[in-house]
Amino acid sequence: MPKGLGEHQFVAINTAAGDTTLVAAQAVGVTIRVIAFFILATTAAAVVSFQSGTGGTALTGPMTTAVGAPIFSVDAAFGNFETATATLLNLHQTGTVQLSGWLIWCTAS
């Protein structure tokens, strides 16, 4: 059975933390679906990944970016990946490099 998708929402990425909650956990039975993202390391190379929950299930493999060389996804109408139900979307990085960018997401239920 296909999932119902919510309205697209936008989040700014501006962090130098090892783990950053990009989107808070949603209601029971609702996932966070990532439609597109853009991440830029501004001060040093960075290795980042998206997780379902902090320290949780990896939604992407480790992605390495050099200073000024962004990591980005294509705008996928049905999404690139999604969290488990009622679970936050975490951006994890090894180290503490300044990351900037944006995220487009929606709910799926």
PDB file of N, CA and C in Angstrom:
ATOM      1  N   MET A   1       0.841  -1.168   0.000  1.00  0.00           N
ATOM      2  CA  MET A   1       0.000   0.000   0.000  1.00  0.00           C
ATOM      3  C   MET A   1       0.895   1.243   0.000  1.00  0.00           C
ATOM      4  N   PRO A   2       0.678   2.198  -0.915  1.00  0.00           N
ATOM      5  CA  PRO A   2       1.513   3.385  -0.980  1.00  0.00           C
ATOM      6  C   PRO A   2       1.337   4.268   0.251  1.00  0.00           C
ATOM      7  N   LYS A   3       2.395   4.959   0.600  1.00  0.00           N
ATOM      8  CA  LYS A   3       2.349   5.871   1.742  1.00  0.00           C
ATOM      9  C   LYS A   3       1.821   7.229   1.297  1.00  0.00           C
ATOM     10  N   GLY A   4       1.123   7.922   2.208  1.00  0.00           N
ATOM     11  CA  GLY A   4       0.698   9.293   1.963  1.00  0.00           C
ATOM     12  C   GLY A   4       1.835  10.234   2.325  1.00  0.00           C
ATOM     13  N   LEU A   5       2.088  11.198   1.453  1.00  0.00           N
ATOM     14  CA  LEU A   5       3.177  12.140   1.690  1.00  0.00           C
ATOM     15  C   LEU A   5       2.620  13.480   2.145  1.00  0.00           C
ATOM     16  N   GLY A   6       3.305  14.102   3.119  1.00  0.00           N
ATOM     17  CA  GLY A   6       2.931  15.415   3.611  1.00  0.00           C
ATOM     18  C   GLY A   6       3.545  16.512   2.751  1.00  0.00           C
ATOM     19  N   GLU A   7       3.301  17.746   3.137  1.00  0.00           N
ATOM     20  CA  GLU A   7       3.868  18.909   2.444  1.00  0.00           C
ATOM     21  C   GLU A   7       5.380  18.925   2.585  1.00  0.00           C
ATOM     22  N   HIS A   8       6.073  19.418   1.552  1.00  0.00           N
ATOM     23  CA  HIS A   8       7.520  19.587   1.639  1.00  0.00           C
ATOM     24  C   HIS A   8       7.849  20.653   2.677  1.00  0.00           C
ATOM     25  N   GLN A   9       8.893  20.392   3.453  1.00  0.00           N
ATOM     26  CA  GLN A   9       9.352  21.331   4.474  1.00  0.00           C
ATOM     27  C   GLN A   9      10.860  21.523   4.301  1.00  0.00           C
ATOM     28  N   PHE A  10      11.361  22.631   4.821  1.00  0.00           N
ATOM     29  CA  PHE A  10      12.753  23.012   4.586  1.00  0.00           C
ATOM     30  C   PHE A  10      13.470  23.224   5.913  1.00  0.00           C
ATOM     31  N   VAL A  11      14.732  22.789   5.974  1.00  0.00           N
ATOM     32  CA  VAL A  11      15.561  22.943   7.162  1.00  0.00           C
ATOM     33  C   VAL A  11      16.920  23.478   6.722  1.00  0.00           C
ATOM     34  N   ALA A  12      17.411  24.486   7.434  1.00  0.00           N
ATOM     35  CA  ALA A  12      18.778  24.961   7.205  1.00  0.00           C
ATOM     36  C   ALA A  12      19.737  24.049   7.961  1.00  0.00           C
ATOM     37  N   ILE A  13      20.873  23.749   7.364  1.00  0.00           N
ATOM     38  CA  ILE A  13      21.927  22.989   8.038  1.00  0.00           C
ATOM     39  C   ILE A  13      23.028  23.976   8.392  1.00  0.00           C
ATOM     40  N   ASN A  14      23.307  24.084   9.680  1.00  0.00           N
ATOM     41  CA  ASN A  14      24.338  24.993  10.184  1.00  0.00           C
ATOM     42  C   ASN A  14      24.846  24.412  11.493  1.00  0.00           C
ATOM     43  N   THR A  15      25.894  23.577  11.431  1.00  0.00           N
ATOM     44  CA  THR A  15      26.352  22.861  12.610  1.00  0.00           C
ATOM     45  C   THR A  15      27.837  22.547  12.546  1.00  0.00           C
ATOM     46  N   ALA A  16      28.437  22.421  13.704  1.00  0.00           N
ATOM     47  CA  ALA A  16      29.802  21.912  13.815  1.00  0.00           C
ATOM     48  C   ALA A  16      29.825  20.786  14.848  1.00  0.00           C
ATOM     49  N   ALA A  17      28.660  20.244  15.168  1.00  0.00           N
ATOM     50  CA  ALA A  17      28.549  19.173  16.163  1.00  0.00           C
ATOM     51  C   ALA A  17      28.734  17.805  15.519  1.00  0.00           C
ATOM     52  N   GLY A  18      29.071  16.828  16.327  1.00  0.00           N
ATOM     53  CA  GLY A  18      29.203  15.456  15.837  1.00  0.00           C
ATOM     54  C   GLY A  18      27.865  14.866  15.436  1.00  0.00           C
ATOM     55  N   ASP A  19      26.814  15.191  16.169  1.00  0.00           N
ATOM     56  CA  ASP A  19      25.455  14.738  15.865  1.00  0.00           C
ATOM     57  C   ASP A  19      24.514  15.925  15.949  1.00  0.00           C
ATOM     58  N   THR A  20      23.667  16.071  14.937  1.00  0.00           N
ATOM     59  CA  THR A  20      22.711  17.168  14.889  1.00  0.00           C
ATOM     60  C   THR A  20      21.349  16.624  14.486  1.00  0.00           C
ATOM     61  N   THR A  21      20.336  16.887  15.300  1.00  0.00           N
ATOM     62  CA  THR A  21      18.969  16.530  14.925  1.00  0.00           C
ATOM     63  C   THR A  21      18.507  17.522  13.879  1.00  0.00           C
ATOM     64  N   LEU A  22      18.242  17.027  12.669  1.00  0.00           N
ATOM     65  CA  LEU A  22      17.747  17.894  11.596  1.00  0.00           C
ATOM     66  C   LEU A  22      16.234  18.029  11.642  1.00  0.00           C
ATOM     67  N   VAL A  23      15.552  16.929  11.960  1.00  0.00           N
ATOM     68  CA  VAL A  23      14.085  16.930  12.055  1.00  0.00           C
ATOM     69  C   VAL A  23      13.708  16.087  13.268  1.00  0.00           C
ATOM     70  N   ALA A  24      12.881  16.632  14.132  1.00  0.00           N
ATOM     71  CA  ALA A  24      12.426  15.917  15.326  1.00  0.00           C
ATOM     72  C   ALA A  24      11.578  14.707  14.930  1.00  0.00           C
ATOM     73  N   ALA A  25      11.536  13.731  15.809  1.00  0.00           N
ATOM     74  CA  ALA A  25      10.706  12.548  15.582  1.00  0.00           C
ATOM     75  C   ALA A  25       9.251  12.966  15.376  1.00  0.00           C
ATOM     76  N   GLN A  26       8.581  12.283  14.489  1.00  0.00           N
ATOM     77  CA  GLN A  26       7.181  12.546  14.199  1.00  0.00           C
ATOM     78  C   GLN A  26       6.309  11.558  14.972  1.00  0.00           C
ATOM     79  N   ALA A  27       5.021  11.585  14.745  1.00  0.00           N
ATOM     80  CA  ALA A  27       4.067  10.744  15.471  1.00  0.00           C
ATOM     81  C   ALA A  27       4.271   9.256  15.141  1.00  0.00           C
ATOM     82  N   VAL A  28       3.705   8.418  15.969  1.00  0.00           N
ATOM     83  CA  VAL A  28       3.742   6.974  15.733  1.00  0.00           C
ATOM     84  C   VAL A  28       3.164   6.681  14.351  1.00  0.00           C
ATOM     85  N   GLY A  29       3.843   5.865  13.577  1.00  0.00           N
ATOM     86  CA  GLY A  29       3.382   5.500  12.242  1.00  0.00           C
ATOM     87  C   GLY A  29       3.802   6.472  11.152  1.00  0.00           C
ATOM     88  N   VAL A  30       4.544   7.540  11.514  1.00  0.00           N
ATOM     89  CA  VAL A  30       4.949   8.559  10.547  1.00  0.00           C
ATOM     90  C   VAL A  30       6.473   8.569  10.428  1.00  0.00           C
ATOM     91  N   THR A  31       6.977   8.558   9.197  1.00  0.00           N
ATOM     92  CA  THR A  31       8.412   8.626   8.946  1.00  0.00           C
ATOM     93  C   THR A  31       8.787  10.003   8.403  1.00  0.00           C
ATOM     94  N   ILE A  32      10.083  10.276   8.410  1.00  0.00           N
ATOM     95  CA  ILE A  32      10.639  11.493   7.810  1.00  0.00           C
ATOM     96  C   ILE A  32      11.297  11.058   6.516  1.00  0.00           C
ATOM     97  N   ARG A  33      10.829  11.583   5.396  1.00  0.00           N
ATOM     98  CA  ARG A  33      11.366  11.217   4.084  1.00  0.00           C
ATOM     99  C   ARG A  33      12.175  12.391   3.533  1.00  0.00           C
ATOM    100  N   VAL A  34      13.442  12.135   3.199  1.00  0.00           N
ATOM    101  CA  VAL A  34      14.320  13.172   2.663  1.00  0.00           C
ATOM    102  C   VAL A  34      14.150  13.227   1.150  1.00  0.00           C
ATOM    103  N   ILE A  35      13.767  14.407   0.670  1.00  0.00           N
ATOM    104  CA  ILE A  35      13.535  14.635  -0.747  1.00  0.00           C
ATOM    105  C   ILE A  35      14.824  15.094  -1.436  1.00  0.00           C
ATOM    106  N   ALA A  36      15.571  15.995  -0.786  1.00  0.00           N
ATOM    107  CA  ALA A  36      16.825  16.511  -1.344  1.00  0.00           C
ATOM    108  C   ALA A  36      17.643  17.130  -0.218  1.00  0.00           C
ATOM    109  N   PHE A  37      18.971  17.201  -0.428  1.00  0.00           N
ATOM    110  CA  PHE A  37      19.839  17.859   0.541  1.00  0.00           C
ATOM    111  C   PHE A  37      21.075  18.415  -0.148  1.00  0.00           C
ATOM    112  N   PHE A  38      21.719  19.361   0.535  1.00  0.00           N
ATOM    113  CA  PHE A  38      22.957  19.992   0.083  1.00  0.00           C
ATOM    114  C   PHE A  38      23.776  20.268   1.331  1.00  0.00           C
ATOM    115  N   ILE A  39      25.009  19.751   1.385  1.00  0.00           N
ATOM    116  CA  ILE A  39      25.882  19.954   2.541  1.00  0.00           C
ATOM    117  C   ILE A  39      27.244  20.419   2.040  1.00  0.00           C
ATOM    118  N   LEU A  40      27.768  21.450   2.690  1.00  0.00           N
ATOM    119  CA  LEU A  40      29.068  22.019   2.329  1.00  0.00           C
ATOM    120  C   LEU A  40      29.926  22.119   3.582  1.00  0.00           C
ATOM    121  N   ALA A  41      31.123  21.532   3.540  1.00  0.00           N
ATOM    122  CA  ALA A  41      32.094  21.688   4.628  1.00  0.00           C
ATOM    123  C   ALA A  41      32.849  22.981   4.362  1.00  0.00           C
ATOM    124  N   THR A  42      32.860  23.883   5.335  1.00  0.00           N
ATOM    125  CA  THR A  42      33.407  25.212   5.075  1.00  0.00           C
ATOM    126  C   THR A  42      34.824  25.424   5.605  1.00  0.00           C
ATOM    127  N   THR A  43      35.279  24.592   6.556  1.00  0.00           N
ATOM    128  CA  THR A  43      36.583  24.848   7.162  1.00  0.00           C
ATOM    129  C   THR A  43      37.597  23.723   6.975  1.00  0.00           C
ATOM    130  N   ALA A  44      37.144  22.493   6.735  1.00  0.00           N
ATOM    131  CA  ALA A  44      38.022  21.335   6.551  1.00  0.00           C
ATOM    132  C   ALA A  44      37.191  20.219   5.933  1.00  0.00           C
ATOM    133  N   ALA A  45      37.863  19.193   5.452  1.00  0.00           N
ATOM    134  CA  ALA A  45      37.142  18.042   4.904  1.00  0.00           C
ATOM    135  C   ALA A  45      36.270  17.423   5.991  1.00  0.00           C
ATOM    136  N   ALA A  46      35.164  16.830   5.584  1.00  0.00           N
ATOM    137  CA  ALA A  46      34.241  16.222   6.540  1.00  0.00           C
ATOM    138  C   ALA A  46      33.732  14.891   5.998  1.00  0.00           C
ATOM    139  N   VAL A  47      33.401  13.998   6.917  1.00  0.00           N
ATOM    140  CA  VAL A  47      32.746  12.738   6.579  1.00  0.00           C
ATOM    141  C   VAL A  47      31.403  12.752   7.297  1.00  0.00           C
ATOM    142  N   VAL A  48      30.320  12.693   6.530  1.00  0.00           N
ATOM    143  CA  VAL A  48      28.975  12.808   7.098  1.00  0.00           C
ATOM    144  C   VAL A  48      28.106  11.638   6.656  1.00  0.00           C
ATOM    145  N   SER A  49      27.072  11.380   7.445  1.00  0.00           N
ATOM    146  CA  SER A  49      26.059  10.395   7.077  1.00  0.00           C
ATOM    147  C   SER A  49      24.750  10.786   7.753  1.00  0.00           C
ATOM    148  N   PHE A  50      23.658  10.313   7.200  1.00  0.00           N
ATOM    149  CA  PHE A  50      22.338  10.516   7.787  1.00  0.00           C
ATOM    150  C   PHE A  50      21.966   9.249   8.551  1.00  0.00           C
ATOM    151  N   GLN A  51      21.285   9.431   9.695  1.00  0.00           N
ATOM    152  CA  GLN A  51      20.877   8.313  10.526  1.00  0.00           C
ATOM    153  C   GLN A  51      19.413   8.432  10.927  1.00  0.00           C
ATOM    154  N   SER A  52      18.786   7.285  11.085  1.00  0.00           N
ATOM    155  CA  SER A  52      17.451   7.199  11.666  1.00  0.00           C
ATOM    156  C   SER A  52      17.649   7.083  13.168  1.00  0.00           C
ATOM    157  N   GLY A  53      17.556   8.221  13.879  1.00  0.00           N
ATOM    158  CA  GLY A  53      17.852   8.268  15.304  1.00  0.00           C
ATOM    159  C   GLY A  53      19.320   8.582  15.524  1.00  0.00           C
ATOM    160  N   THR A  54      19.627   9.222  16.648  1.00  0.00           N
ATOM    161  CA  THR A  54      21.008   9.552  16.974  1.00  0.00           C
ATOM    162  C   THR A  54      21.756   8.267  17.314  1.00  0.00           C
ATOM    163  N   GLY A  55      22.825   7.991  16.553  1.00  0.00           N
ATOM    164  CA  GLY A  55      23.566   6.744  16.739  1.00  0.00           C
ATOM    165  C   GLY A  55      22.773   5.538  16.279  1.00  0.00           C
ATOM    166  N   GLY A  56      21.744   5.779  15.493  1.00  0.00           N
ATOM    167  CA  GLY A  56      20.832   4.721  15.062  1.00  0.00           C
ATOM    168  C   GLY A  56      21.218   4.094  13.735  1.00  0.00           C
ATOM    169  N   THR A  57      20.226   3.689  12.994  1.00  0.00           N
ATOM    170  CA  THR A  57      20.406   3.009  11.720  1.00  0.00           C
ATOM    171  C   THR A  57      20.919   3.975  10.668  1.00  0.00           C
ATOM    172  N   ALA A  58      21.975   3.582   9.966  1.00  0.00           N
ATOM    173  CA  ALA A  58      22.521   4.411   8.886  1.00  0.00           C
ATOM    174  C   ALA A  58      21.536   4.435   7.717  1.00  0.00           C
ATOM    175  N   LEU A  59      21.230   5.638   7.242  1.00  0.00           N
ATOM    176  CA  LEU A  59      20.373   5.800   6.064  1.00  0.00           C
ATOM    177  C   LEU A  59      21.208   6.022   4.808  1.00  0.00           C
ATOM    178  N   THR A  60      22.451   6.455   5.002  1.00  0.00           N
ATOM    179  CA  THR A  60      23.421   6.600   3.913  1.00  0.00           C
ATOM    180  C   THR A  60      24.744   6.031   4.409  1.00  0.00           C
ATOM    181  N   GLY A  61      25.624   5.744   3.493  1.00  0.00           N
ATOM    182  CA  GLY A  61      26.986   5.412   3.879  1.00  0.00           C
ATOM    183  C   GLY A  61      27.725   6.688   4.198  1.00  0.00           C
ATOM    184  N   PRO A  62      28.958   6.567   4.696  1.00  0.00           N
ATOM    185  CA  PRO A  62      29.759   7.755   4.959  1.00  0.00           C
ATOM    186  C   PRO A  62      30.044   8.492   3.653  1.00  0.00           C
ATOM    187  N   MET A  63      29.843   9.801   3.652  1.00  0.00           N
ATOM    188  CA  MET A  63      30.080  10.626   2.467  1.00  0.00           C
ATOM    189  C   MET A  63      31.152  11.649   2.819  1.00  0.00           C
ATOM    190  N   THR A  64      32.205  11.721   2.017  1.00  0.00           N
ATOM    191  CA  THR A  64      33.314  12.634   2.278  1.00  0.00           C
ATOM    192  C   THR A  64      33.225  13.839   1.362  1.00  0.00           C
ATOM    193  N   THR A  65      33.417  15.019   1.947  1.00  0.00           N
ATOM    194  CA  THR A  65      33.451  16.244   1.170  1.00  0.00           C
ATOM    195  C   THR A  65      34.707  17.036   1.507  1.00  0.00           C
ATOM    196  N   ALA A  66      35.327  17.590   0.498  1.00  0.00           N
ATOM    197  CA  ALA A  66      36.462  18.489   0.698  1.00  0.00           C
ATOM    198  C   ALA A  66      35.920  19.894   0.947  1.00  0.00           C
ATOM    199  N   VAL A  67      36.757  20.774   1.465  1.00  0.00           N
ATOM    200  CA  VAL A  67      36.340  22.158   1.702  1.00  0.00           C
ATOM    201  C   VAL A  67      35.831  22.762   0.396  1.00  0.00           C
ATOM    202  N   GLY A  68      34.641  23.309   0.436  1.00  0.00           N
ATOM    203  CA  GLY A  68      34.067  23.974  -0.724  1.00  0.00           C
ATOM    204  C   GLY A  68      33.517  23.048  -1.794  1.00  0.00           C
ATOM    205  N   ALA A  69      33.574  21.731  -1.595  1.00  0.00           N
ATOM    206  CA  ALA A  69      33.034  20.762  -2.560  1.00  0.00           C
ATOM    207  C   ALA A  69      31.793  20.118  -1.942  1.00  0.00           C
ATOM    208  N   PRO A  70      30.612  20.524  -2.346  1.00  0.00           N
ATOM    209  CA  PRO A  70      29.397  20.065  -1.671  1.00  0.00           C
ATOM    210  C   PRO A  70      29.050  18.604  -1.948  1.00  0.00           C
ATOM    211  N   ILE A  71      28.273  18.064  -1.034  1.00  0.00           N
ATOM    212  CA  ILE A  71      27.590  16.782  -1.211  1.00  0.00           C
ATOM    213  C   ILE A  71      26.124  17.144  -1.392  1.00  0.00           C
ATOM    214  N   PHE A  72      25.478  16.577  -2.395  1.00  0.00           N
ATOM    215  CA  PHE A  72      24.062  16.895  -2.587  1.00  0.00           C
ATOM    216  C   PHE A  72      23.360  15.726  -3.248  1.00  0.00           C
ATOM    217  N   SER A  73      22.057  15.710  -3.104  1.00  0.00           N
ATOM    218  CA  SER A  73      21.236  14.679  -3.738  1.00  0.00           C
ATOM    219  C   SER A  73      20.444  15.305  -4.863  1.00  0.00           C
ATOM    220  N   VAL A  74      19.968  14.458  -5.723  1.00  0.00           N
ATOM    221  CA  VAL A  74      19.031  14.926  -6.740  1.00  0.00           C
ATOM    222  C   VAL A  74      17.682  15.106  -6.053  1.00  0.00           C
ATOM    223  N   ASP A  75      16.859  15.986  -6.583  1.00  0.00           N
ATOM    224  CA  ASP A  75      15.521  16.192  -6.052  1.00  0.00           C
ATOM    225  C   ASP A  75      14.669  15.012  -6.495  1.00  0.00           C
ATOM    226  N   ALA A  76      14.401  14.106  -5.568  1.00  0.00           N
ATOM    227  CA  ALA A  76      13.627  12.907  -5.874  1.00  0.00           C
ATOM    228  C   ALA A  76      12.198  13.097  -5.365  1.00  0.00           C
ATOM    229  N   ALA A  77      11.264  13.186  -6.258  1.00  0.00           N
ATOM    230  CA  ALA A  77       9.871  13.468  -5.896  1.00  0.00           C
ATOM    231  C   ALA A  77       9.339  12.513  -4.829  1.00  0.00           C
ATOM    232  N   PHE A  78       9.766  11.252  -4.875  1.00  0.00           N
ATOM    233  CA  PHE A  78       9.280  10.277  -3.896  1.00  0.00           C
ATOM    234  C   PHE A  78      10.284  10.049  -2.772  1.00  0.00           C
ATOM    235  N   GLY A  79      11.414  10.773  -2.795  1.00  0.00           N
ATOM    236  CA  GLY A  79      12.366  10.719  -1.703  1.00  0.00           C
ATOM    237  C   GLY A  79      13.605   9.899  -2.016  1.00  0.00           C
ATOM    238  N   ASN A  80      14.663  10.196  -1.258  1.00  0.00           N
ATOM    239  CA  ASN A  80      15.929   9.478  -1.362  1.00  0.00           C
ATOM    240  C   ASN A  80      16.057   8.409  -0.289  1.00  0.00           C
ATOM    241  N   PHE A  81      15.585   8.686   0.914  1.00  0.00           N
ATOM    242  CA  PHE A  81      15.601   7.736   2.032  1.00  0.00           C
ATOM    243  C   PHE A  81      14.677   8.267   3.109  1.00  0.00           C
ATOM    244  N   GLU A  82      14.349   7.400   4.107  1.00  0.00           N
ATOM    245  CA  GLU A  82      13.471   7.829   5.186  1.00  0.00           C
ATOM    246  C   GLU A  82      13.817   7.127   6.482  1.00  0.00           C
ATOM    247  N   THR A  83      13.436   7.759   7.581  1.00  0.00           N
ATOM    248  CA  THR A  83      13.681   7.218   8.913  1.00  0.00           C
ATOM    249  C   THR A  83      12.685   6.103   9.217  1.00  0.00           C
ATOM    250  N   ALA A  84      12.916   5.435  10.337  1.00  0.00           N
ATOM    251  CA  ALA A  84      11.914   4.535  10.887  1.00  0.00           C
ATOM    252  C   ALA A  84      10.770   5.390  11.433  1.00  0.00           C
ATOM    253  N   THR A  85       9.632   4.795  11.702  1.00  0.00           N
ATOM    254  CA  THR A  85       8.509   5.562  12.229  1.00  0.00           C
ATOM    255  C   THR A  85       8.852   6.131  13.604  1.00  0.00           C
ATOM    256  N   ALA A  86       8.320   7.317  13.866  1.00  0.00           N
ATOM    257  CA  ALA A  86       8.476   8.003  15.152  1.00  0.00           C
ATOM    258  C   ALA A  86       9.944   8.135  15.565  1.00  0.00           C
ATOM    259  N   THR A  87      10.842   8.372  14.587  1.00  0.00           N
ATOM    260  CA  THR A  87      12.281   8.454  14.855  1.00  0.00           C
ATOM    261  C   THR A  87      12.845   9.712  14.210  1.00  0.00           C
ATOM    262  N   LEU A  88      13.710  10.423  14.955  1.00  0.00           N
ATOM    263  CA  LEU A  88      14.294  11.664  14.437  1.00  0.00           C
ATOM    264  C   LEU A  88      15.279  11.407  13.298  1.00  0.00           C
ATOM    265  N   LEU A  89      15.529  12.449  12.502  1.00  0.00           N
ATOM    266  CA  LEU A  89      16.534  12.401  11.436  1.00  0.00           C
ATOM    267  C   LEU A  89      17.795  13.064  11.964  1.00  0.00           C
ATOM    268  N   ASN A  90      18.896  12.319  12.009  1.00  0.00           N
ATOM    269  CA  ASN A  90      20.156  12.798  12.549  1.00  0.00           C
ATOM    270  C   ASN A  90      21.190  12.963  11.441  1.00  0.00           C
ATOM    271  N   LEU A  91      21.968  14.048  11.523  1.00  0.00           N
ATOM    272  CA  LEU A  91      23.137  14.235  10.674  1.00  0.00           C
ATOM    273  C   LEU A  91      24.355  13.945  11.545  1.00  0.00           C
ATOM    274  N   HIS A  92      25.118  12.928  11.179  1.00  0.00           N
ATOM    275  CA  HIS A  92      26.296  12.531  11.948  1.00  0.00           C
ATOM    276  C   HIS A  92      27.546  12.893  11.166  1.00  0.00           C
ATOM    277  N   GLN A  93      28.554  13.400  11.867  1.00  0.00           N
ATOM    278  CA  GLN A  93      29.847  13.625  11.235  1.00  0.00           C
ATOM    279  C   GLN A  93      30.953  13.155  12.157  1.00  0.00           C
ATOM    280  N   THR A  94      32.019  12.644  11.555  1.00  0.00           N
ATOM    281  CA  THR A  94      33.195  12.296  12.331  1.00  0.00           C
ATOM    282  C   THR A  94      33.991  13.583  12.467  1.00  0.00           C
ATOM    283  N   GLY A  95      34.252  14.004  13.683  1.00  0.00           N
ATOM    284  CA  GLY A  95      34.918  15.281  13.905  1.00  0.00           C
ATOM    285  C   GLY A  95      33.903  16.385  14.130  1.00  0.00           C
ATOM    286  N   THR A  96      34.384  17.620  14.081  1.00  0.00           N
ATOM    287  CA  THR A  96      33.511  18.769  14.324  1.00  0.00           C
ATOM    288  C   THR A  96      33.826  19.887  13.342  1.00  0.00           C
ATOM    289  N   VAL A  97      33.575  19.638  12.096  1.00  0.00           N
ATOM    290  CA  VAL A  97      33.786  20.601  11.020  1.00  0.00           C
ATOM    291  C   VAL A  97      32.504  21.415  10.836  1.00  0.00           C
ATOM    292  N   GLN A  98      32.638  22.702  10.510  1.00  0.00           N
ATOM    293  CA  GLN A  98      31.458  23.521  10.226  1.00  0.00           C
ATOM    294  C   GLN A  98      30.804  23.020   8.935  1.00  0.00           C
ATOM    295  N   LEU A  99      29.535  22.642   9.025  1.00  0.00           N
ATOM    296  CA  LEU A  99      28.743  22.204   7.879  1.00  0.00           C
ATOM    297  C   LEU A  99      27.610  23.195   7.657  1.00  0.00           C
ATOM    298  N   SER A 100      27.382  23.551   6.407  1.00  0.00           N
ATOM    299  CA  SER A 100      26.286  24.446   6.045  1.00  0.00           C
ATOM    300  C   SER A 100      25.518  23.818   4.902  1.00  0.00           C
ATOM    301  N   GLY A 101      24.261  24.179   4.764  1.00  0.00           N
ATOM    302  CA  GLY A 101      23.474  23.661   3.650  1.00  0.00           C
ATOM    303  C   GLY A 101      21.988  23.717   3.931  1.00  0.00           C
ATOM    304  N   TRP A 102      21.261  22.787   3.313  1.00  0.00           N
ATOM    305  CA  TRP A 102      19.816  22.750   3.462  1.00  0.00           C
ATOM    306  C   TRP A 102      19.292  21.342   3.224  1.00  0.00           C
ATOM    307  N   LEU A 103      18.046  21.132   3.643  1.00  0.00           N
ATOM    308  CA  LEU A 103      17.380  19.828   3.533  1.00  0.00           C
ATOM    309  C   LEU A 103      15.920  20.074   3.184  1.00  0.00           C
ATOM    310  N   ILE A 104      15.405  19.307   2.247  1.00  0.00           N
ATOM    311  CA  ILE A 104      13.971  19.321   1.945  1.00  0.00           C
ATOM    312  C   ILE A 104      13.434  17.953   2.365  1.00  0.00           C
ATOM    313  N   TRP A 105      12.360  17.959   3.146  1.00  0.00           N
ATOM    314  CA  TRP A 105      11.796  16.709   3.654  1.00  0.00           C
ATOM    315  C   TRP A 105      10.277  16.794   3.716  1.00  0.00           C
ATOM    316  N   CYS A 106       9.669  15.634   3.913  1.00  0.00           N
ATOM    317  CA  CYS A 106       8.230  15.580   4.150  1.00  0.00           C
ATOM    318  C   CYS A 106       7.941  14.384   5.052  1.00  0.00           C
ATOM    319  N   THR A 107       6.749  14.322   5.562  1.00  0.00           N
ATOM    320  CA  THR A 107       6.341  13.154   6.332  1.00  0.00           C
ATOM    321  C   THR A 107       5.759  12.114   5.374  1.00  0.00           C
ATOM    322  N   ALA A 108       5.824  10.878   5.801  1.00  0.00           N
ATOM    323  CA  ALA A 108       5.210   9.780   5.034  1.00  0.00           C
ATOM    324  C   ALA A 108       4.493   8.886   6.048  1.00  0.00           C
ATOM    325  N   SER A 109       3.264   8.515   5.709  1.00  0.00           N
ATOM    326  CA  SER A 109       2.502   7.659   6.628  1.00  0.00           C
ATOM    327  C   SER A 109       1.644   6.677   5.858  1.00  0.00           C
TER     328      SER A 109
END
